[in-house]
N, C-alpha and C. Protein backbone atom coordinates (compact mmCIF):
# COMPACT_ATOMS: atom_id res chain seq x y z
N MET A 1 50.46 56.15 12.18
CA MET A 1 50.42 57.47 12.89
C MET A 1 50.77 57.21 14.25
N LEU A 2 50.27 56.18 14.84
CA LEU A 2 50.45 55.79 16.29
C LEU A 2 51.91 55.44 16.59
N GLY A 3 52.35 54.66 15.58
CA GLY A 3 53.80 54.24 15.74
C GLY A 3 54.72 55.36 15.64
N PHE A 4 54.54 56.46 14.84
CA PHE A 4 55.30 57.57 14.74
C PHE A 4 55.39 58.33 16.13
N LYS A 5 54.12 58.52 16.77
CA LYS A 5 53.98 59.19 18.14
C LYS A 5 54.85 58.43 19.12
N THR A 6 54.71 57.09 19.13
CA THR A 6 55.39 56.27 20.11
C THR A 6 56.87 56.37 19.91
N HIS A 7 57.39 56.63 18.77
CA HIS A 7 58.75 56.62 18.35
C HIS A 7 59.25 58.00 19.01
N ARG A 8 58.47 59.11 18.71
CA ARG A 8 58.84 60.34 19.20
C ARG A 8 58.87 60.28 20.74
N THR A 9 57.93 59.73 21.35
CA THR A 9 57.84 59.64 22.88
C THR A 9 59.12 59.01 23.38
N LEU A 10 59.49 57.98 22.75
CA LEU A 10 60.72 57.24 23.20
C LEU A 10 62.01 58.12 23.12
N ARG A 11 61.94 58.90 21.93
CA ARG A 11 63.08 59.86 21.84
C ARG A 11 63.17 60.83 22.93
N TYR A 12 61.95 61.34 23.35
CA TYR A 12 61.85 62.29 24.35
C TYR A 12 62.35 61.66 25.79
N LEU A 13 61.91 60.48 25.99
CA LEU A 13 62.25 59.77 27.11
C LEU A 13 63.80 59.53 27.19
N THR A 14 64.51 59.24 26.01
CA THR A 14 65.84 58.96 25.94
C THR A 14 66.52 60.29 26.24
N LEU A 15 66.11 61.40 25.67
CA LEU A 15 66.79 62.63 26.01
C LEU A 15 66.67 63.02 27.47
N LEU A 16 65.50 62.71 28.10
CA LEU A 16 65.28 63.14 29.41
C LEU A 16 66.26 62.24 30.34
N LEU A 17 66.47 60.95 29.85
CA LEU A 17 67.31 60.18 30.68
C LEU A 17 68.71 60.63 30.57
N LEU A 18 69.10 61.13 29.37
CA LEU A 18 70.49 61.56 29.17
C LEU A 18 70.75 62.85 30.04
N VAL A 19 69.72 63.68 30.09
CA VAL A 19 69.84 64.98 30.90
C VAL A 19 69.95 64.62 32.40
N LEU A 20 69.18 63.59 32.81
CA LEU A 20 69.38 63.22 34.20
C LEU A 20 70.72 62.49 34.48
N LEU A 21 71.23 61.75 33.51
CA LEU A 21 72.53 61.23 33.70
C LEU A 21 73.52 62.26 33.75
N VAL A 22 73.46 63.27 33.00
CA VAL A 22 74.40 64.38 32.93
C VAL A 22 74.35 65.16 34.25
N GLY A 23 73.07 65.31 34.73
CA GLY A 23 73.00 66.10 35.93
C GLY A 23 73.57 65.30 37.09
N CYS A 24 73.38 64.03 37.18
CA CYS A 24 74.11 63.20 38.17
C CYS A 24 75.53 63.20 38.18
N ALA A 25 76.01 63.23 36.81
CA ALA A 25 77.53 63.24 36.64
C ALA A 25 78.00 64.59 37.13
N GLY A 26 77.24 65.61 36.86
CA GLY A 26 77.55 67.02 37.39
C GLY A 26 77.68 67.01 38.94
N GLY A 27 76.67 66.49 39.55
CA GLY A 27 76.65 66.37 41.06
C GLY A 27 77.88 65.65 41.48
N ASP A 28 78.28 64.57 40.92
CA ASP A 28 79.47 63.85 41.28
C ASP A 28 80.67 64.79 41.16
N ASP A 29 80.80 65.66 40.08
CA ASP A 29 81.95 66.38 40.01
C ASP A 29 82.07 67.45 41.07
N GLU A 30 80.77 68.01 41.58
CA GLU A 30 80.75 68.92 42.53
C GLU A 30 81.27 68.32 43.85
N GLN A 31 80.92 67.00 43.98
CA GLN A 31 81.48 66.33 45.30
C GLN A 31 83.01 66.17 45.25
N VAL A 32 83.53 65.95 44.17
CA VAL A 32 84.92 65.76 43.89
C VAL A 32 85.70 67.10 44.02
N THR A 33 85.02 68.20 44.00
CA THR A 33 85.69 69.49 44.09
C THR A 33 86.38 69.84 45.29
N PRO A 34 85.96 69.37 46.49
CA PRO A 34 86.70 69.77 47.85
C PRO A 34 88.10 69.21 47.88
N PRO A 35 88.50 68.04 47.25
CA PRO A 35 89.91 67.77 47.32
C PRO A 35 90.71 68.76 46.61
N ARG A 36 90.11 69.50 45.52
CA ARG A 36 90.91 70.52 44.88
C ARG A 36 91.13 71.76 45.87
N ALA A 37 90.37 71.74 46.87
CA ALA A 37 90.63 72.89 47.83
C ALA A 37 91.91 72.66 48.63
N THR A 38 92.40 71.43 48.70
CA THR A 38 93.69 71.18 49.34
C THR A 38 94.79 71.88 48.57
N GLY A 39 94.73 71.87 47.34
CA GLY A 39 95.72 72.78 46.49
C GLY A 39 95.61 74.21 46.82
N THR A 40 94.35 74.75 47.23
CA THR A 40 94.12 76.01 47.52
C THR A 40 94.80 76.39 48.94
N VAL A 41 94.76 75.47 49.93
CA VAL A 41 95.48 75.70 51.01
C VAL A 41 96.99 75.76 50.88
N ALA A 42 97.47 74.96 50.03
CA ALA A 42 98.87 75.00 49.71
C ALA A 42 99.42 76.12 49.20
N SER A 43 98.35 76.88 48.43
CA SER A 43 98.74 78.03 47.71
C SER A 43 98.23 79.30 48.38
N MET A 44 98.12 79.22 49.82
CA MET A 44 97.58 80.39 50.60
C MET A 44 98.68 81.43 50.55
N PRO A 45 98.26 82.68 50.85
CA PRO A 45 99.27 83.76 50.82
C PRO A 45 100.46 83.55 51.66
N ALA A 46 101.59 84.14 51.31
CA ALA A 46 102.91 83.89 52.05
C ALA A 46 102.93 84.38 53.35
N THR A 47 101.98 85.34 53.69
CA THR A 47 101.93 85.80 55.12
C THR A 47 101.64 84.74 56.10
N VAL A 48 101.31 83.53 55.74
CA VAL A 48 101.04 82.48 56.70
C VAL A 48 102.23 81.93 57.11
N THR A 49 103.20 81.91 56.17
CA THR A 49 104.54 81.13 56.44
C THR A 49 105.26 81.73 57.56
N PRO A 50 105.56 83.06 57.72
CA PRO A 50 106.20 83.48 58.86
C PRO A 50 105.58 82.97 60.26
N ALA A 51 104.20 83.02 60.27
CA ALA A 51 103.69 82.60 61.56
C ALA A 51 104.01 81.13 61.82
N ALA A 52 104.09 80.32 60.76
CA ALA A 52 104.64 78.89 61.05
C ALA A 52 105.95 78.71 61.42
N THR A 53 106.80 79.61 60.77
CA THR A 53 108.30 79.51 61.10
C THR A 53 108.55 80.28 62.45
N ALA A 54 107.71 81.18 62.93
CA ALA A 54 108.06 81.87 64.07
C ALA A 54 108.05 81.01 65.29
N THR A 55 107.40 79.92 65.39
CA THR A 55 107.39 79.07 66.49
C THR A 55 108.84 78.53 66.82
N PRO A 56 109.46 77.95 65.77
CA PRO A 56 110.95 77.37 66.04
C PRO A 56 111.75 78.49 66.53
N THR A 57 111.64 79.71 65.85
CA THR A 57 112.48 80.81 66.39
C THR A 57 112.38 81.22 67.83
N ALA A 58 111.07 81.23 68.31
CA ALA A 58 110.71 81.46 69.63
C ALA A 58 111.38 80.51 70.47
N LYS A 59 111.30 79.23 70.16
CA LYS A 59 111.85 78.22 70.99
C LYS A 59 113.35 78.27 71.05
N MET A 60 113.93 78.73 69.90
CA MET A 60 115.53 79.00 70.05
C MET A 60 115.89 80.18 70.87
N ASP A 61 115.00 81.20 70.94
CA ASP A 61 115.45 82.28 71.85
C ASP A 61 115.24 82.04 73.21
N SER A 62 114.17 81.19 73.75
CA SER A 62 113.96 80.89 75.02
C SER A 62 115.01 79.96 75.48
N PRO A 63 115.53 79.92 76.76
CA PRO A 63 116.49 79.14 77.35
C PRO A 63 115.83 77.61 77.51
N PRO A 64 116.72 76.74 77.47
CA PRO A 64 116.22 75.39 77.57
C PRO A 64 115.65 75.15 78.90
N ALA A 65 114.63 74.27 79.17
CA ALA A 65 114.04 74.02 80.42
C ALA A 65 114.87 73.55 81.36
N THR A 66 115.99 72.77 81.07
CA THR A 66 116.97 72.31 81.96
C THR A 66 117.76 73.35 82.53
N SER A 67 117.98 74.50 81.97
CA SER A 67 118.90 75.55 82.54
C SER A 67 118.28 76.12 83.74
N VAL A 68 117.01 76.04 84.03
CA VAL A 68 116.34 76.56 85.19
C VAL A 68 116.89 75.90 86.43
N ALA A 69 116.96 74.57 86.26
CA ALA A 69 117.29 73.59 87.34
C ALA A 69 118.74 73.78 87.64
N THR A 70 119.66 74.11 86.67
CA THR A 70 121.09 74.12 86.89
C THR A 70 121.48 75.52 87.29
N VAL A 71 120.65 76.63 87.41
CA VAL A 71 121.16 77.93 87.88
C VAL A 71 121.41 77.81 89.40
N PRO A 72 122.53 78.08 89.86
CA PRO A 72 122.70 78.00 91.30
C PRO A 72 122.03 79.00 92.09
N SER A 73 121.45 78.85 93.23
CA SER A 73 120.70 79.80 94.02
C SER A 73 121.03 79.67 95.47
N THR A 74 121.05 80.91 96.01
CA THR A 74 121.32 80.89 97.60
C THR A 74 119.94 81.11 98.19
N PRO A 75 119.66 80.22 99.11
CA PRO A 75 118.27 80.43 99.87
C PRO A 75 118.31 81.59 100.74
N VAL A 76 117.30 82.37 100.71
CA VAL A 76 117.19 83.56 101.53
C VAL A 76 116.31 83.27 102.75
N PRO A 77 116.86 83.41 103.91
CA PRO A 77 116.21 83.03 105.12
C PRO A 77 115.10 84.00 105.31
N SER A 78 113.96 83.32 105.94
CA SER A 78 112.84 84.08 106.12
C SER A 78 112.98 84.84 107.46
N PRO A 79 112.11 85.93 107.64
CA PRO A 79 112.25 86.52 109.02
C PRO A 79 111.90 85.54 110.23
N ALA A 80 110.98 84.59 109.96
CA ALA A 80 110.63 83.58 110.87
C ALA A 80 111.80 82.72 111.16
N SER A 81 112.50 82.29 110.29
CA SER A 81 113.83 81.52 110.46
C SER A 81 114.84 82.20 111.20
N ASN A 82 114.99 83.59 110.86
CA ASN A 82 115.95 84.35 111.63
C ASN A 82 115.60 84.52 113.05
N THR A 83 114.19 84.76 113.31
CA THR A 83 113.80 84.77 114.80
C THR A 83 114.08 83.52 115.49
N ALA A 84 113.78 82.39 114.80
CA ALA A 84 113.93 81.09 115.49
C ALA A 84 115.44 80.76 115.72
N THR A 85 116.39 81.30 114.76
CA THR A 85 117.77 80.98 115.05
C THR A 85 118.14 81.95 116.29
N ALA A 86 117.63 83.24 116.29
CA ALA A 86 118.12 84.06 117.36
C ALA A 86 117.57 83.63 118.70
N THR A 87 116.33 82.99 118.63
CA THR A 87 115.78 82.37 119.90
C THR A 87 116.64 81.26 120.37
N ARG A 88 117.11 80.39 119.57
CA ARG A 88 117.98 79.26 119.94
C ARG A 88 119.31 79.78 120.48
N GLU A 89 119.82 80.80 119.77
CA GLU A 89 121.14 81.37 120.27
C GLU A 89 120.86 81.94 121.74
N ILE A 90 119.84 82.64 121.96
CA ILE A 90 119.60 83.19 123.37
C ILE A 90 119.42 82.20 124.32
N GLU A 91 118.62 81.09 124.00
CA GLU A 91 118.33 80.01 124.88
C GLU A 91 119.62 79.31 125.21
N ARG A 92 120.59 79.26 124.26
CA ARG A 92 121.88 78.57 124.51
C ARG A 92 122.83 79.47 125.26
N GLY A 93 122.43 80.69 125.49
CA GLY A 93 123.24 81.59 126.12
C GLY A 93 124.43 82.28 125.44
N ALA A 94 124.15 82.23 124.06
CA ALA A 94 125.27 82.86 123.20
C ALA A 94 125.46 84.27 123.43
N ARG A 95 126.59 84.85 123.38
CA ARG A 95 126.77 86.24 123.68
C ARG A 95 127.70 86.83 122.58
N HIS A 96 127.72 88.10 122.36
CA HIS A 96 128.44 88.83 121.51
C HIS A 96 128.93 89.98 122.15
N THR A 97 129.98 90.77 121.58
CA THR A 97 130.59 91.87 122.05
C THR A 97 130.35 93.15 121.27
N VAL A 98 129.88 94.29 121.86
CA VAL A 98 129.74 95.47 121.14
C VAL A 98 130.49 96.63 121.77
N ARG A 99 130.78 97.58 120.92
CA ARG A 99 131.54 98.71 121.38
C ARG A 99 130.61 99.91 121.53
N VAL A 100 130.63 100.44 122.77
CA VAL A 100 129.81 101.60 123.26
C VAL A 100 130.70 102.65 123.76
N GLY A 101 130.84 103.68 122.96
CA GLY A 101 131.82 104.72 123.40
C GLY A 101 133.17 104.14 123.64
N ASP A 102 133.68 104.34 124.72
CA ASP A 102 135.10 103.89 125.05
C ASP A 102 134.90 102.48 125.70
N ASN A 103 133.86 101.81 125.80
CA ASN A 103 133.67 100.56 126.54
C ASN A 103 133.24 99.50 125.65
N THR A 104 133.73 98.26 126.01
CA THR A 104 133.43 97.12 125.34
C THR A 104 132.51 96.33 126.12
N ILE A 105 131.39 95.98 125.68
CA ILE A 105 130.28 95.33 126.57
C ILE A 105 129.78 94.14 125.87
N GLU A 106 129.70 93.06 126.71
CA GLU A 106 129.24 91.71 126.21
C GLU A 106 127.69 91.60 126.36
N LEU A 107 127.03 91.23 125.34
CA LEU A 107 125.60 91.17 125.48
C LEU A 107 125.03 89.81 124.96
N PRO A 108 123.88 89.35 125.30
CA PRO A 108 123.21 88.21 124.70
C PRO A 108 123.11 88.34 123.24
N VAL A 109 123.17 87.33 122.41
CA VAL A 109 122.86 87.40 121.03
C VAL A 109 121.42 87.91 120.83
N GLY A 110 121.23 88.83 119.90
CA GLY A 110 119.88 89.39 119.66
C GLY A 110 119.62 90.71 120.26
N LEU A 111 120.57 91.16 121.18
CA LEU A 111 120.50 92.47 121.73
C LEU A 111 121.66 93.29 121.36
N THR A 112 121.31 94.66 121.22
CA THR A 112 122.52 95.50 120.78
C THR A 112 122.38 96.77 121.78
N MET A 113 123.39 97.71 121.64
CA MET A 113 123.45 98.85 122.57
C MET A 113 124.09 99.94 121.88
N GLU A 114 123.48 101.17 122.17
CA GLU A 114 124.07 102.45 121.64
C GLU A 114 123.97 103.45 122.72
N VAL A 115 124.89 104.51 122.47
CA VAL A 115 124.86 105.57 123.40
C VAL A 115 123.63 106.44 123.29
N PHE A 116 122.78 106.70 124.36
CA PHE A 116 121.74 107.54 124.39
C PHE A 116 122.06 109.05 124.87
N ALA A 117 122.83 109.02 125.90
CA ALA A 117 123.18 110.33 126.45
C ALA A 117 124.59 110.23 127.14
N GLU A 118 125.39 111.41 127.12
CA GLU A 118 126.75 111.38 127.73
C GLU A 118 126.86 112.50 128.68
N ASN A 119 127.94 112.45 129.41
CA ASN A 119 128.43 113.61 130.20
C ASN A 119 127.32 113.80 131.27
N LEU A 120 126.84 112.89 132.00
CA LEU A 120 125.78 113.14 133.05
C LEU A 120 126.24 113.26 134.45
N GLY A 121 127.61 113.27 134.52
CA GLY A 121 128.04 113.47 135.92
C GLY A 121 128.29 111.98 136.45
N SER A 122 127.48 111.64 137.61
CA SER A 122 127.59 110.26 138.26
C SER A 122 126.17 109.77 138.18
N PRO A 123 125.67 109.43 137.11
CA PRO A 123 124.23 108.83 136.99
C PRO A 123 124.04 107.60 137.76
N ARG A 124 122.89 107.41 138.36
CA ARG A 124 122.54 106.34 139.30
C ARG A 124 121.41 105.57 138.73
N LEU A 125 120.14 105.98 138.88
CA LEU A 125 118.97 105.32 138.53
C LEU A 125 118.11 106.15 137.50
N MET A 126 117.21 105.40 136.77
CA MET A 126 116.42 106.04 135.74
C MET A 126 115.00 105.80 135.95
N ALA A 127 114.11 106.66 135.49
CA ALA A 127 112.67 106.43 135.38
C ALA A 127 111.95 107.29 134.24
N PHE A 128 110.97 106.82 133.68
CA PHE A 128 110.18 107.51 132.65
C PHE A 128 109.02 108.13 133.16
N ASP A 129 108.79 109.44 132.76
CA ASP A 129 107.41 110.08 133.30
C ASP A 129 106.22 109.52 132.38
N SER A 130 105.02 110.05 132.68
CA SER A 130 103.82 109.59 132.00
C SER A 130 104.02 109.97 130.36
N ALA A 131 104.82 110.86 130.02
CA ALA A 131 104.92 111.29 128.68
C ALA A 131 106.12 110.47 127.95
N GLY A 132 106.74 109.57 128.57
CA GLY A 132 107.81 108.69 128.05
C GLY A 132 109.19 109.42 128.07
N VAL A 133 109.35 110.63 128.88
CA VAL A 133 110.61 111.28 128.88
C VAL A 133 111.48 110.63 130.01
N LEU A 134 112.75 110.34 129.70
CA LEU A 134 113.59 109.68 130.65
C LEU A 134 114.29 110.74 131.72
N TYR A 135 114.36 110.39 132.98
CA TYR A 135 114.88 111.14 134.00
C TYR A 135 115.91 110.21 134.67
N VAL A 136 116.97 110.95 134.98
CA VAL A 136 118.15 110.27 135.72
C VAL A 136 118.58 110.95 136.88
N THR A 137 118.95 110.21 137.89
CA THR A 137 119.48 110.94 139.06
C THR A 137 120.98 110.97 139.00
N ASP A 138 121.46 112.10 139.38
CA ASP A 138 123.01 112.23 139.41
C ASP A 138 123.40 112.46 140.88
N SER A 139 124.22 111.52 141.31
CA SER A 139 124.61 111.45 142.77
C SER A 139 125.39 112.72 143.16
N ARG A 140 125.77 113.63 142.25
CA ARG A 140 126.34 114.88 142.55
C ARG A 140 125.34 115.97 143.06
N GLY A 141 124.06 115.52 143.19
CA GLY A 141 123.11 116.41 143.76
C GLY A 141 121.99 116.86 142.69
N ARG A 142 121.88 116.22 141.60
CA ARG A 142 121.06 116.73 140.44
C ARG A 142 120.04 115.60 140.04
N VAL A 143 118.89 116.18 139.40
CA VAL A 143 118.02 115.21 138.70
C VAL A 143 118.03 115.74 137.27
N LEU A 144 118.19 114.88 136.32
CA LEU A 144 118.41 115.19 134.91
C LEU A 144 117.28 114.80 134.02
N ARG A 145 116.77 115.59 133.23
CA ARG A 145 115.80 115.06 132.22
C ARG A 145 116.50 115.03 130.74
N LEU A 146 116.13 113.84 130.02
CA LEU A 146 116.86 113.63 128.79
C LEU A 146 115.73 113.46 127.70
N PRO A 147 115.14 114.53 127.20
CA PRO A 147 114.13 114.40 126.17
C PRO A 147 114.77 113.92 124.89
N ASP A 148 113.83 113.00 124.13
CA ASP A 148 114.32 112.60 122.69
C ASP A 148 113.06 113.05 121.84
N ILE A 149 113.05 114.27 121.54
CA ILE A 149 111.85 114.73 120.84
C ILE A 149 111.78 114.28 119.39
N ASP A 150 112.74 114.17 118.76
CA ASP A 150 112.81 113.49 117.39
C ASP A 150 112.81 112.10 117.28
N GLU A 151 112.82 111.26 118.50
CA GLU A 151 112.85 109.90 118.64
C GLU A 151 113.82 109.17 117.72
N ASP A 152 115.11 109.65 117.80
CA ASP A 152 116.15 109.06 116.92
C ASP A 152 116.99 108.22 117.83
N GLY A 153 116.63 107.95 119.01
CA GLY A 153 117.45 107.07 119.90
C GLY A 153 118.50 107.68 120.60
N ARG A 154 118.55 109.09 120.62
CA ARG A 154 119.52 109.90 121.28
C ARG A 154 118.91 111.10 121.99
N ALA A 155 119.35 111.46 123.24
CA ALA A 155 118.80 112.46 123.91
C ALA A 155 119.04 113.84 123.23
N ASP A 156 118.10 114.65 123.04
CA ASP A 156 118.33 115.91 122.48
C ASP A 156 118.90 116.96 123.31
N ALA A 157 118.92 116.69 124.58
CA ALA A 157 119.46 117.83 125.54
C ALA A 157 119.55 117.06 126.87
N VAL A 158 120.32 117.72 127.82
CA VAL A 158 120.51 117.19 129.06
C VAL A 158 120.20 118.44 129.98
N GLU A 159 118.83 118.34 130.49
CA GLU A 159 118.23 119.38 131.34
C GLU A 159 118.27 119.13 132.83
N VAL A 160 118.70 119.93 133.62
CA VAL A 160 118.85 119.89 135.15
C VAL A 160 117.49 120.33 135.66
N VAL A 161 116.68 119.49 136.03
CA VAL A 161 115.29 119.82 136.59
C VAL A 161 115.19 120.07 138.07
N ALA A 162 116.28 119.64 138.81
CA ALA A 162 116.41 119.63 140.37
C ALA A 162 117.83 119.65 140.64
N SER A 163 118.30 120.40 141.61
CA SER A 163 119.57 120.51 142.09
C SER A 163 119.64 120.69 143.61
N GLY A 164 120.82 120.53 144.21
CA GLY A 164 120.99 120.94 145.51
C GLY A 164 120.60 119.73 146.53
N LEU A 165 120.44 118.49 145.90
CA LEU A 165 119.95 117.32 146.61
C LEU A 165 121.27 116.65 147.31
N ARG A 166 120.92 115.81 148.28
CA ARG A 166 122.10 115.11 149.02
C ARG A 166 122.05 113.73 148.38
N ILE A 167 123.16 113.54 147.62
CA ILE A 167 123.28 112.17 146.90
C ILE A 167 122.12 111.59 146.41
N PRO A 168 121.44 112.05 145.58
CA PRO A 168 120.16 111.39 145.10
C PRO A 168 120.42 110.16 144.31
N HIS A 169 119.52 109.14 144.45
CA HIS A 169 119.87 107.93 143.73
C HIS A 169 118.53 107.40 143.31
N GLY A 170 117.59 106.83 144.18
CA GLY A 170 116.24 106.29 143.74
C GLY A 170 115.39 107.31 143.10
N ILE A 171 114.69 106.94 142.15
CA ILE A 171 113.71 107.91 141.50
C ILE A 171 112.38 107.22 141.06
N ALA A 172 111.30 107.85 141.13
CA ALA A 172 110.03 107.14 140.69
C ALA A 172 109.01 108.18 140.50
N PHE A 173 108.06 107.90 139.59
CA PHE A 173 106.90 108.80 139.37
C PHE A 173 105.68 108.11 140.04
N HIS A 174 104.81 108.72 140.67
CA HIS A 174 103.64 108.23 141.23
C HIS A 174 102.56 109.15 141.40
N GLN A 175 101.32 109.00 140.64
CA GLN A 175 100.26 109.77 140.58
C GLN A 175 100.66 111.19 140.12
N GLY A 176 101.54 111.33 139.20
CA GLY A 176 101.90 112.55 138.60
C GLY A 176 103.00 113.36 139.32
N SER A 177 103.42 112.70 140.45
CA SER A 177 104.42 113.46 141.26
C SER A 177 105.86 112.70 141.09
N LEU A 178 106.92 113.45 141.32
CA LEU A 178 108.16 112.84 141.20
C LEU A 178 108.83 112.65 142.58
N TYR A 179 109.30 111.51 142.95
CA TYR A 179 109.79 111.13 144.17
C TYR A 179 111.32 110.83 143.98
N ILE A 180 112.02 111.33 145.00
CA ILE A 180 113.49 111.13 144.97
C ILE A 180 114.05 110.57 146.21
N ALA A 181 114.90 109.57 146.11
CA ALA A 181 115.44 108.95 147.38
C ALA A 181 116.86 109.58 147.54
N GLU A 182 117.05 110.41 148.60
CA GLU A 182 118.32 111.00 148.86
C GLU A 182 119.07 110.13 149.86
N GLU A 183 120.05 110.61 150.39
CA GLU A 183 120.92 109.77 151.27
C GLU A 183 120.28 109.31 152.52
N SER A 184 119.46 110.23 153.07
CA SER A 184 118.72 109.85 154.35
C SER A 184 117.24 110.20 154.46
N LEU A 185 116.74 110.43 153.29
CA LEU A 185 115.18 110.69 153.26
C LEU A 185 114.76 110.40 151.87
N VAL A 186 113.39 110.43 151.69
CA VAL A 186 112.70 110.31 150.53
C VAL A 186 111.81 111.53 150.39
N SER A 187 111.89 112.18 149.22
CA SER A 187 111.21 113.51 149.12
C SER A 187 110.26 113.45 147.92
N ARG A 188 109.18 114.28 147.96
CA ARG A 188 108.45 114.50 146.70
C ARG A 188 108.78 115.92 146.24
N MET A 189 109.16 115.87 145.01
CA MET A 189 109.58 117.12 144.42
C MET A 189 108.36 117.99 144.01
N ILE A 190 108.66 119.34 144.23
CA ILE A 190 107.59 120.34 143.95
C ILE A 190 107.94 121.26 142.86
N ASP A 191 107.06 121.19 141.82
CA ASP A 191 107.14 122.31 140.66
C ASP A 191 106.33 123.41 140.93
N GLU A 192 106.99 124.56 141.54
CA GLU A 192 106.19 125.66 142.00
C GLU A 192 105.53 126.45 140.76
N ASN A 193 106.34 126.53 139.64
CA ASN A 193 105.87 127.21 138.57
C ASN A 193 105.13 126.49 137.39
N GLY A 194 105.09 125.28 137.55
CA GLY A 194 104.44 124.39 136.43
C GLY A 194 105.18 124.33 135.32
N ASP A 195 106.48 124.66 135.29
CA ASP A 195 107.29 124.70 134.04
C ASP A 195 108.05 123.37 133.77
N GLY A 196 107.93 122.37 134.77
CA GLY A 196 108.68 121.14 134.65
C GLY A 196 109.92 121.10 135.37
N PHE A 197 110.26 122.25 136.08
CA PHE A 197 111.48 122.25 136.80
C PHE A 197 110.99 122.42 138.36
N TYR A 198 111.86 121.65 139.21
CA TYR A 198 111.48 121.46 140.60
C TYR A 198 112.34 122.35 141.51
N GLU A 199 111.65 123.39 142.05
CA GLU A 199 112.38 124.40 142.89
C GLU A 199 112.58 123.96 144.28
N SER A 200 111.70 123.05 144.76
CA SER A 200 111.81 122.63 146.23
C SER A 200 111.31 121.17 146.41
N SER A 201 111.35 120.62 147.61
CA SER A 201 111.00 119.32 147.87
C SER A 201 110.26 119.20 149.22
N GLU A 202 109.47 118.20 149.34
CA GLU A 202 108.73 117.80 150.57
C GLU A 202 109.14 116.61 151.10
N PRO A 203 109.73 116.50 152.36
CA PRO A 203 110.19 115.12 152.86
C PRO A 203 109.03 114.32 153.09
N ILE A 204 109.02 113.01 152.69
CA ILE A 204 107.93 112.00 152.75
C ILE A 204 108.41 110.98 153.93
N VAL A 205 109.62 110.48 153.79
CA VAL A 205 110.17 109.62 154.76
C VAL A 205 111.57 110.21 155.17
N ALA A 206 111.71 110.58 156.40
CA ALA A 206 112.98 111.25 156.93
C ALA A 206 113.62 110.36 157.95
N GLY A 207 114.92 110.75 158.29
CA GLY A 207 115.65 110.02 159.37
C GLY A 207 116.11 108.65 159.09
N LEU A 208 116.26 108.43 157.67
CA LEU A 208 116.86 107.07 157.40
C LEU A 208 118.38 107.11 157.58
N PRO A 209 118.92 105.90 157.87
CA PRO A 209 120.32 105.89 158.13
C PRO A 209 121.12 106.21 156.79
N ASP A 210 122.32 106.83 157.01
CA ASP A 210 123.13 107.17 155.91
C ASP A 210 123.60 105.89 155.13
């Protein structure tokens, strides 16, 4: 009876050992499974393929890197270099010719000239008032005002603010008053109505030689 039980116990142990061996073998199979995933990657959906082939296409569409270096380019001078060049030209005494009305005038490089006002009679000297308006003496006996209201670089009008003077030439503004040098005296002009036009004058220095 003891021998029969021992024999049955050995059979159970043998079966248990076989089960363990099969389990270990099954674990080994699971470890071998990942290499089969390589086949899965190879059989991925076709949508991955265009992304892989898009890169060569993009490279073909873009210009070769060497073409950038071979494109001819003209350097654009900077304002600073333009100023430096003009300064060197001026220091060197370089000059250029401009046409102003019927006259040809030679100017230093870097300067230009345009007509501001015309038909002024015999203009002599100029001065600005406190508002920046230009006045000119006309040796024919007048003082002219040349306003540039729209600031376009040309006088909008030629206004006679004083007349009847004797060969006026010198002109100056001082403490809000207008002074004119005539042939033999210096006068302070008087605006009697406050309208910007001078109806009379007050001699300041008289008896000057003609």
